[in-house]
C-alpha atoms as a PDB file:
ATOM      1  CA  UNK A   1     -55.773  58.406 161.318  1.00  0.00           C
ATOM      2  CA  UNK A   2     -55.471  62.078 162.148  1.00  0.00           C
ATOM      3  CA  UNK A   3     -53.610  63.020 165.271  1.00  0.00           C
ATOM      4  CA  UNK A   4     -53.802  66.558 166.951  1.00  0.00           C
ATOM      5  CA  UNK A   5     -50.286  66.910 168.692  1.00  0.00           C
ATOM      6  CA  UNK A   6     -50.033  69.564 171.545  1.00  0.00           C
ATOM      7  CA  UNK A   7     -47.216  70.558 173.357  1.00  0.00           C
ATOM      8  CA  UNK A   8     -46.568  73.156 176.166  1.00  0.00           C
ATOM      9  CA  UNK A   9     -43.414  73.975 178.160  1.00  0.00           C
ATOM     10  CA  UNK A  10     -44.947  74.503 181.519  1.00  0.00           C
ATOM     11  CA  UNK A  11     -47.997  74.025 183.451  1.00  0.00           C
ATOM     12  CA  UNK A  12     -48.763  77.933 183.242  1.00  0.00           C
ATOM     13  CA  UNK A  13     -49.177  77.490 179.254  1.00  0.00           C
ATOM     14  CA  UNK A  14     -52.671  76.333 178.579  1.00  0.00           C
ATOM     15  CA  UNK A  15     -53.242  73.452 176.131  1.00  0.00           C
ATOM     16  CA  UNK A  16     -56.611  75.054 175.187  1.00  0.00           C
ATOM     17  CA  UNK A  17     -55.315  77.713 172.748  1.00  0.00           C
ATOM     18  CA  UNK A  18     -53.637  74.989 170.726  1.00  0.00           C
ATOM     19  CA  UNK A  19     -56.629  72.589 170.788  1.00  0.00           C
ATOM     20  CA  UNK A  20     -58.758  75.595 169.648  1.00  0.00           C
ATOM     21  CA  UNK A  21     -56.749  76.383 166.570  1.00  0.00           C
ATOM     22  CA  UNK A  22     -56.232  72.891 165.770  1.00  0.00           C
ATOM     23  CA  UNK A  23     -60.159  72.113 165.908  1.00  0.00           C
ATOM     24  CA  UNK A  24     -61.016  75.205 164.180  1.00  0.00           C
ATOM     25  CA  UNK A  25     -58.741  74.594 161.137  1.00  0.00           C
ATOM     26  CA  UNK A  26     -59.926  70.851 161.193  1.00  0.00           C
ATOM     27  CA  UNK A  27     -63.669  72.050 161.195  1.00  0.00           C
ATOM     28  CA  UNK A  28     -62.975  74.412 158.196  1.00  0.00           C
ATOM     29  CA  UNK A  29     -61.231  71.636 156.264  1.00  0.00           C
ATOM     30  CA  UNK A  30     -63.711  68.833 157.302  1.00  0.00           C
ATOM     31  CA  UNK A  31     -61.029  66.739 159.085  1.00  0.00           C
ATOM     32  CA  UNK A  32     -61.902  64.627 161.963  1.00  0.00           C
ATOM     33  CA  UNK A  33     -59.203  64.214 164.749  1.00  0.00           C
ATOM     34  CA  UNK A  34     -59.085  60.569 165.963  1.00  0.00           C
ATOM     35  CA  UNK A  35     -56.652  61.018 168.687  1.00  0.00           C
ATOM     36  CA  UNK A  36     -54.892  63.801 170.662  1.00  0.00           C
ATOM     37  CA  UNK A  37     -51.456  63.931 172.147  1.00  0.00           C
ATOM     38  CA  UNK A  38     -50.929  66.608 174.822  1.00  0.00           C
ATOM     39  CA  UNK A  39     -47.557  67.052 176.870  1.00  0.00           C
ATOM     40  CA  UNK A  40     -46.030  69.231 179.067  1.00  0.00           C
ATOM     41  CA  UNK A  41     -42.310  69.261 178.419  1.00  0.00           C
ATOM     42  CA  UNK A  42     -39.657  71.528 176.908  1.00  0.00           C
ATOM     43  CA  UNK A  43     -39.118  71.361 173.211  1.00  0.00           C
ATOM     44  CA  UNK A  44     -35.405  71.278 173.783  1.00  0.00           C
ATOM     45  CA  UNK A  45     -35.873  67.657 175.162  1.00  0.00           C
ATOM     46  CA  UNK A  46     -35.321  65.030 172.123  1.00  0.00           C
ATOM     47  CA  UNK A  47     -38.328  63.910 170.397  1.00  0.00           C
ATOM     48  CA  UNK A  48     -37.524  60.142 171.326  1.00  0.00           C
ATOM     49  CA  UNK A  49     -37.850  61.272 175.124  1.00  0.00           C
ATOM     50  CA  UNK A  50     -41.350  62.583 174.482  1.00  0.00           C
ATOM     51  CA  UNK A  51     -45.001  61.344 173.781  1.00  0.00           C
ATOM     52  CA  UNK A  52     -44.353  62.633 170.078  1.00  0.00           C
ATOM     53  CA  UNK A  53     -41.709  59.957 169.740  1.00  0.00           C
ATOM     54  CA  UNK A  54     -44.193  57.345 170.756  1.00  0.00           C
ATOM     55  CA  UNK A  55     -46.361  58.912 167.977  1.00  0.00           C
ATOM     56  CA  UNK A  56     -43.744  58.914 165.478  1.00  0.00           C
ATOM     57  CA  UNK A  57     -42.993  55.156 165.977  1.00  0.00           C
ATOM     58  CA  UNK A  58     -46.664  54.181 165.397  1.00  0.00           C
ATOM     59  CA  UNK A  59     -47.837  56.265 162.599  1.00  0.00           C
ATOM     60  CA  UNK A  60     -48.236  54.701 159.104  1.00  0.00           C
ATOM     61  CA  UNK A  61     -48.844  55.580 155.464  1.00  0.00           C
ATOM     62  CA  UNK A  62     -51.645  58.209 155.199  1.00  0.00           C
ATOM     63  CA  UNK A  63     -51.767  59.062 158.932  1.00  0.00           C
ATOM     64  CA  UNK A  64     -51.552  62.917 159.375  1.00  0.00           C
ATOM     65  CA  UNK A  65     -50.067  64.750 162.403  1.00  0.00           C
ATOM     66  CA  UNK A  66     -51.621  68.270 162.899  1.00  0.00           C
ATOM     67  CA  UNK A  67     -50.142  70.781 165.288  1.00  0.00           C
ATOM     68  CA  UNK A  68     -50.596  74.551 165.734  1.00  0.00           C
ATOM     69  CA  UNK A  69     -46.734  75.570 164.630  1.00  0.00           C
ATOM     70  CA  UNK A  70     -43.517  73.953 163.958  1.00  0.00           C
ATOM     71  CA  UNK A  71     -42.066  75.034 167.100  1.00  0.00           C
ATOM     72  CA  UNK A  72     -44.452  72.599 168.910  1.00  0.00           C
ATOM     73  CA  UNK A  73     -42.438  69.798 167.220  1.00  0.00           C
ATOM     74  CA  UNK A  74     -38.874  71.347 168.589  1.00  0.00           C
ATOM     75  CA  UNK A  75     -36.719  74.154 169.557  1.00  0.00           C
ATOM     76  CA  UNK A  76     -34.135  73.361 166.766  1.00  0.00           C
ATOM     77  CA  UNK A  77     -34.017  72.923 163.051  1.00  0.00           C
ATOM     78  CA  UNK A  78     -31.895  69.717 163.276  1.00  0.00           C
ATOM     79  CA  UNK A  79     -34.503  68.098 165.427  1.00  0.00           C
ATOM     80  CA  UNK A  80     -37.296  69.283 163.369  1.00  0.00           C
ATOM     81  CA  UNK A  81     -35.644  68.051 160.236  1.00  0.00           C
ATOM     82  CA  UNK A  82     -35.313  64.495 161.817  1.00  0.00           C
ATOM     83  CA  UNK A  83     -39.177  64.682 162.315  1.00  0.00           C
ATOM     84  CA  UNK A  84     -39.872  65.541 158.859  1.00  0.00           C
ATOM     85  CA  UNK A  85     -37.653  62.979 157.637  1.00  0.00           C
ATOM     86  CA  UNK A  86     -39.453  60.507 159.741  1.00  0.00           C
ATOM     87  CA  UNK A  87     -42.904  61.441 158.356  1.00  0.00           C
ATOM     88  CA  UNK A  88     -41.534  61.464 154.531  1.00  0.00           C
ATOM     89  CA  UNK A  89     -40.211  58.159 155.114  1.00  0.00           C
ATOM     90  CA  UNK A  90     -43.295  56.606 156.554  1.00  0.00           C
ATOM     91  CA  UNK A  91     -45.538  58.382 153.727  1.00  0.00           C
ATOM     92  CA  UNK A  92     -47.703  60.195 156.260  1.00  0.00           C
ATOM     93  CA  UNK A  93     -48.365  64.018 156.630  1.00  0.00           C
ATOM     94  CA  UNK A  94     -47.602  66.761 158.886  1.00  0.00           C
ATOM     95  CA  UNK A  95     -49.602  69.794 158.921  1.00  0.00           C
ATOM     96  CA  UNK A  96     -49.089  73.007 160.884  1.00  0.00           C
ATOM     97  CA  UNK A  97     -51.785  75.667 161.203  1.00  0.00           C
ATOM     98  CA  UNK A  98     -49.612  79.135 161.953  1.00  0.00           C
ATOM     99  CA  UNK A  99     -47.249  78.400 158.878  1.00  0.00           C
ATOM    100  CA  UNK A 100     -49.859  76.707 156.821  1.00  0.00           C
ATOM    101  CA  UNK A 101     -47.374  73.861 155.953  1.00  0.00           C
ATOM    102  CA  UNK A 102     -48.539  70.481 154.513  1.00  0.00           C
ATOM    103  CA  UNK A 103     -45.516  67.986 154.380  1.00  0.00           C
ATOM    104  CA  UNK A 104     -46.165  64.713 152.838  1.00  0.00           C
ATOM    105  CA  UNK A 105     -44.624  62.430 150.323  1.00  0.00           C
ATOM    106  CA  UNK A 106     -45.225  65.004 147.380  1.00  0.00           C
ATOM    107  CA  UNK A 107     -42.598  66.734 145.243  1.00  0.00           C
ATOM    108  CA  UNK A 108     -43.437  70.063 146.851  1.00  0.00           C
ATOM    109  CA  UNK A 109     -42.960  68.543 150.425  1.00  0.00           C
ATOM    110  CA  UNK A 110     -39.685  67.140 149.300  1.00  0.00           C
ATOM    111  CA  UNK A 111     -38.284  70.422 147.923  1.00  0.00           C
ATOM    112  CA  UNK A 112     -39.518  72.046 151.263  1.00  0.00           C
ATOM    113  CA  UNK A 113     -37.665  69.217 153.164  1.00  0.00           C
ATOM    114  CA  UNK A 114     -34.235  70.007 150.943  1.00  0.00           C
ATOM    115  CA  UNK A 115     -34.820  73.648 151.796  1.00  0.00           C
ATOM    116  CA  UNK A 116     -34.999  72.840 155.611  1.00  0.00           C
ATOM    117  CA  UNK A 117     -31.961  70.421 155.246  1.00  0.00           C
ATOM    118  CA  UNK A 118     -29.970  73.204 153.560  1.00  0.00           C
ATOM    119  CA  UNK A 119     -30.905  75.620 156.121  1.00  0.00           C
ATOM    120  CA  UNK A 120     -29.964  73.210 158.837  1.00  0.00           C
ATOM    121  CA  UNK A 121     -26.491  72.440 157.331  1.00  0.00           C
ATOM    122  CA  UNK A 122     -25.816  76.143 156.858  1.00  0.00           C
ATOM    123  CA  UNK A 123     -26.753  76.751 160.401  1.00  0.00           C
ATOM    124  CA  UNK A 124     -24.630  73.728 161.565  1.00  0.00           C
ATOM    125  CA  UNK A 125     -21.639  75.437 159.849  1.00  0.00           C
ATOM    126  CA  UNK A 126     -21.985  78.639 161.314  1.00  0.00           C
ATOM    127  CA  UNK A 127     -22.306  77.409 164.608  1.00  0.00           C
ATOM    128  CA  UNK A 128     -19.099  75.464 164.078  1.00  0.00           C
ATOM    129  CA  UNK A 129     -17.320  78.558 162.554  1.00  0.00           C
ATOM    130  CA  UNK A 130     -18.430  80.852 165.714  1.00  0.00           C
ATOM    131  CA  UNK A 131     -17.097  78.249 168.122  1.00  0.00           C
ATOM    132  CA  UNK A 132     -13.836  78.002 165.952  1.00  0.00           C
ATOM    133  CA  UNK A 133     -13.478  81.678 166.251  1.00  0.00           C
ATOM    134  CA  UNK A 134     -14.669  82.151 169.968  1.00  0.00           C
ATOM    135  CA  UNK A 135     -11.936  79.598 171.004  1.00  0.00           C
ATOM    136  CA  UNK A 136      -9.067  80.915 168.926  1.00  0.00           C
ATOM    137  CA  UNK A 137     -10.108  84.307 170.357  1.00  0.00           C
ATOM    138  CA  UNK A 138      -9.755  83.108 174.050  1.00  0.00           C
ATOM    139  CA  UNK A 139      -6.621  81.163 173.263  1.00  0.00           C
ATOM    140  CA  UNK A 140      -5.073  84.681 171.994  1.00  0.00           C
ATOM    141  CA  UNK A 141      -6.171  86.446 175.148  1.00  0.00           C
ATOM    142  CA  UNK A 142      -4.107  83.823 177.123  1.00  0.00           C
ATOM    143  CA  UNK A 143      -7.446  82.365 178.718  1.00  0.00           C
ATOM    144  CA  UNK A 144      -7.467  78.947 179.694  1.00  0.00           C
ATOM    145  CA  UNK A 145      -9.573  76.288 177.452  1.00  0.00           C
ATOM    146  CA  UNK A 146     -11.107  73.067 178.385  1.00  0.00           C
ATOM    147  CA  UNK A 147     -12.072  72.077 182.107  1.00  0.00           C
ATOM    148  CA  UNK A 148     -10.428  73.851 184.979  1.00  0.00           C
ATOM    149  CA  UNK A 149      -7.704  72.225 186.895  1.00  0.00           C
ATOM    150  CA  UNK A 150      -8.296  70.186 189.804  1.00  0.00           C
ATOM    151  CA  UNK A 151      -6.758  70.939 193.428  1.00  0.00           C
ATOM    152  CA  UNK A 152      -4.370  68.201 193.292  1.00  0.00           C
ATOM    153  CA  UNK A 153      -1.211  69.777 194.600  1.00  0.00           C
ATOM    154  CA  UNK A 154      -3.141  73.170 194.950  1.00  0.00           C
ATOM    155  CA  UNK A 155      -5.482  74.931 197.159  1.00  0.00           C
ATOM    156  CA  UNK A 156      -8.883  74.358 196.508  1.00  0.00           C
ATOM    157  CA  UNK A 157     -10.544  77.734 196.304  1.00  0.00           C
ATOM    158  CA  UNK A 158     -14.031  76.867 197.404  1.00  0.00           C
ATOM    159  CA  UNK A 159     -12.437  75.347 200.367  1.00  0.00           C
ATOM    160  CA  UNK A 160     -10.331  78.141 201.292  1.00  0.00           C
ATOM    161  CA  UNK A 161     -13.270  80.599 201.019  1.00  0.00           C
ATOM    162  CA  UNK A 162     -15.072  78.607 203.805  1.00  0.00           C
ATOM    163  CA  UNK A 163     -11.919  77.940 206.020  1.00  0.00           C
ATOM    164  CA  UNK A 164     -13.358  79.339 209.056  1.00  0.00           C
ATOM    165  CA  UNK A 165     -16.727  77.216 208.822  1.00  0.00           C
ATOM    166  CA  UNK A 166     -14.356  73.935 208.210  1.00  0.00           C
ATOM    167  CA  UNK A 167     -12.265  74.821 211.460  1.00  0.00           C
ATOM    168  CA  UNK A 168     -15.517  75.210 213.316  1.00  0.00           C
ATOM    169  CA  UNK A 169     -17.051  72.214 212.201  1.00  0.00           C
ATOM    170  CA  UNK A 170     -13.729  70.169 212.850  1.00  0.00           C
ATOM    171  CA  UNK A 171     -13.708  71.508 216.273  1.00  0.00           C
ATOM    172  CA  UNK A 172     -17.084  70.376 216.734  1.00  0.00           C
ATOM    173  CA  UNK A 173     -16.481  66.879 215.964  1.00  0.00           C
ATOM    174  CA  UNK A 174     -18.430  66.928 212.639  1.00  0.00           C
ATOM    175  CA  UNK A 175     -17.249  64.275 210.286  1.00  0.00           C
ATOM    176  CA  UNK A 176     -15.187  65.060 207.359  1.00  0.00           C
ATOM    177  CA  UNK A 177     -17.763  63.442 204.884  1.00  0.00           C
ATOM    178  CA  UNK A 178     -20.605  65.854 206.379  1.00  0.00           C
ATOM    179  CA  UNK A 179     -18.121  68.750 206.304  1.00  0.00           C
ATOM    180  CA  UNK A 180     -17.655  67.998 202.632  1.00  0.00           C
ATOM    181  CA  UNK A 181     -21.435  68.091 202.151  1.00  0.00           C
ATOM    182  CA  UNK A 182     -21.833  71.492 203.845  1.00  0.00           C
ATOM    183  CA  UNK A 183     -18.714  72.933 201.865  1.00  0.00           C
ATOM    184  CA  UNK A 184     -20.067  71.330 198.647  1.00  0.00           C
ATOM    185  CA  UNK A 185     -17.286  69.552 197.745  1.00  0.00           C
ATOM    186  CA  UNK A 186     -16.160  65.811 197.428  1.00  0.00           C
ATOM    187  CA  UNK A 187     -14.909  64.121 200.620  1.00  0.00           C
ATOM    188  CA  UNK A 188     -11.664  63.304 198.484  1.00  0.00           C
ATOM    189  CA  UNK A 189     -11.290  67.078 197.882  1.00  0.00           C
ATOM    190  CA  UNK A 190     -11.731  68.142 201.347  1.00  0.00           C
ATOM    191  CA  UNK A 191      -9.219  65.396 202.478  1.00  0.00           C
ATOM    192  CA  UNK A 192      -6.652  66.679 199.856  1.00  0.00           C
ATOM    193  CA  UNK A 193      -7.276  70.355 201.138  1.00  0.00           C
ATOM    194  CA  UNK A 194      -6.936  69.499 204.899  1.00  0.00           C
ATOM    195  CA  UNK A 195      -3.698  67.651 204.111  1.00  0.00           C
ATOM    196  CA  UNK A 196      -2.475  70.597 202.013  1.00  0.00           C
ATOM    197  CA  UNK A 197      -2.842  72.932 204.794  1.00  0.00           C
ATOM    198  CA  UNK A 198      -1.800  70.689 207.442  1.00  0.00           C
ATOM    199  CA  UNK A 199      -5.073  69.912 209.320  1.00  0.00           C
ATOM    200  CA  UNK A 200      -5.032  66.335 208.380  1.00  0.00           C
ATOM    201  CA  UNK A 201      -2.340  63.704 208.177  1.00  0.00           C
ATOM    202  CA  UNK A 202      -3.297  60.501 206.008  1.00  0.00           C
ATOM    203  CA  UNK A 203      -2.151  56.949 206.936  1.00  0.00           C
ATOM    204  CA  UNK A 204       0.891  55.839 204.753  1.00  0.00           C
ATOM    205  CA  UNK A 205       0.281  53.638 201.934  1.00  0.00           C
ATOM    206  CA  UNK A 206       3.072  51.207 201.440  1.00  0.00           C
ATOM    207  CA  UNK A 207       5.823  53.596 202.131  1.00  0.00           C
ATOM    208  CA  UNK A 208       4.565  56.425 200.078  1.00  0.00           C
ATOM    209  CA  UNK A 209       5.180  60.200 200.839  1.00  0.00           C
ATOM    210  CA  UNK A 210       2.379  62.460 201.220  1.00  0.00           C
ATOM    211  CA  UNK A 211       3.123  65.980 199.882  1.00  0.00           C
ATOM    212  CA  UNK A 212       0.944  68.838 199.086  1.00  0.00           C
ATOM    213  CA  UNK A 213      -2.045  67.158 199.237  1.00  0.00           C
ATOM    214  CA  UNK A 214      -1.028  64.148 197.140  1.00  0.00           C
ATOM    215  CA  UNK A 215       0.965  61.115 197.160  1.00  0.00           C
ATOM    216  CA  UNK A 216       4.315  60.982 195.516  1.00  0.00           C
END
């Protein structure tokens, strides 16, 4: 079975150009397409969450997947390598029109797959190294690493920036849950902010003391 695979990122990108390229190449090489797989989805999405994943799960030995170019399969080298490995393992072929690649179970394809794999490993190591260097630079400059601290015991900046709006809504009798949605924070965050600023005094919990927006 020969499958033509077409992927576009948005509805604005027509599938006709890819279909034309594949059809013209197949006609020149006397190959018949037995089925078309078309989808509109980002190439950054895992192939397992695309129709491509369904295709890869059902292909078998001697089947062929034909696409316009490698980037139609995925937007990063690691994902493309996974797809190539599936094709090689299942002894089916993958052909791309633009790069003129033919990947199958032959020795040339295995050499090419090895080259892709080596490139992927180098890219992964470079990304890891750049990440470590960036983190070290941020730490050396005194910048905070990791998630920002919450507001427990501190003034919430988002609430503080909309303090007048909160006061107005409170005076109008708006529920605190609705105020939280209006401000764009969780109800718990709003309650802690109101308690911290003295606008709200929560009920006592088993004799615990409320101080600075948290129970002590």
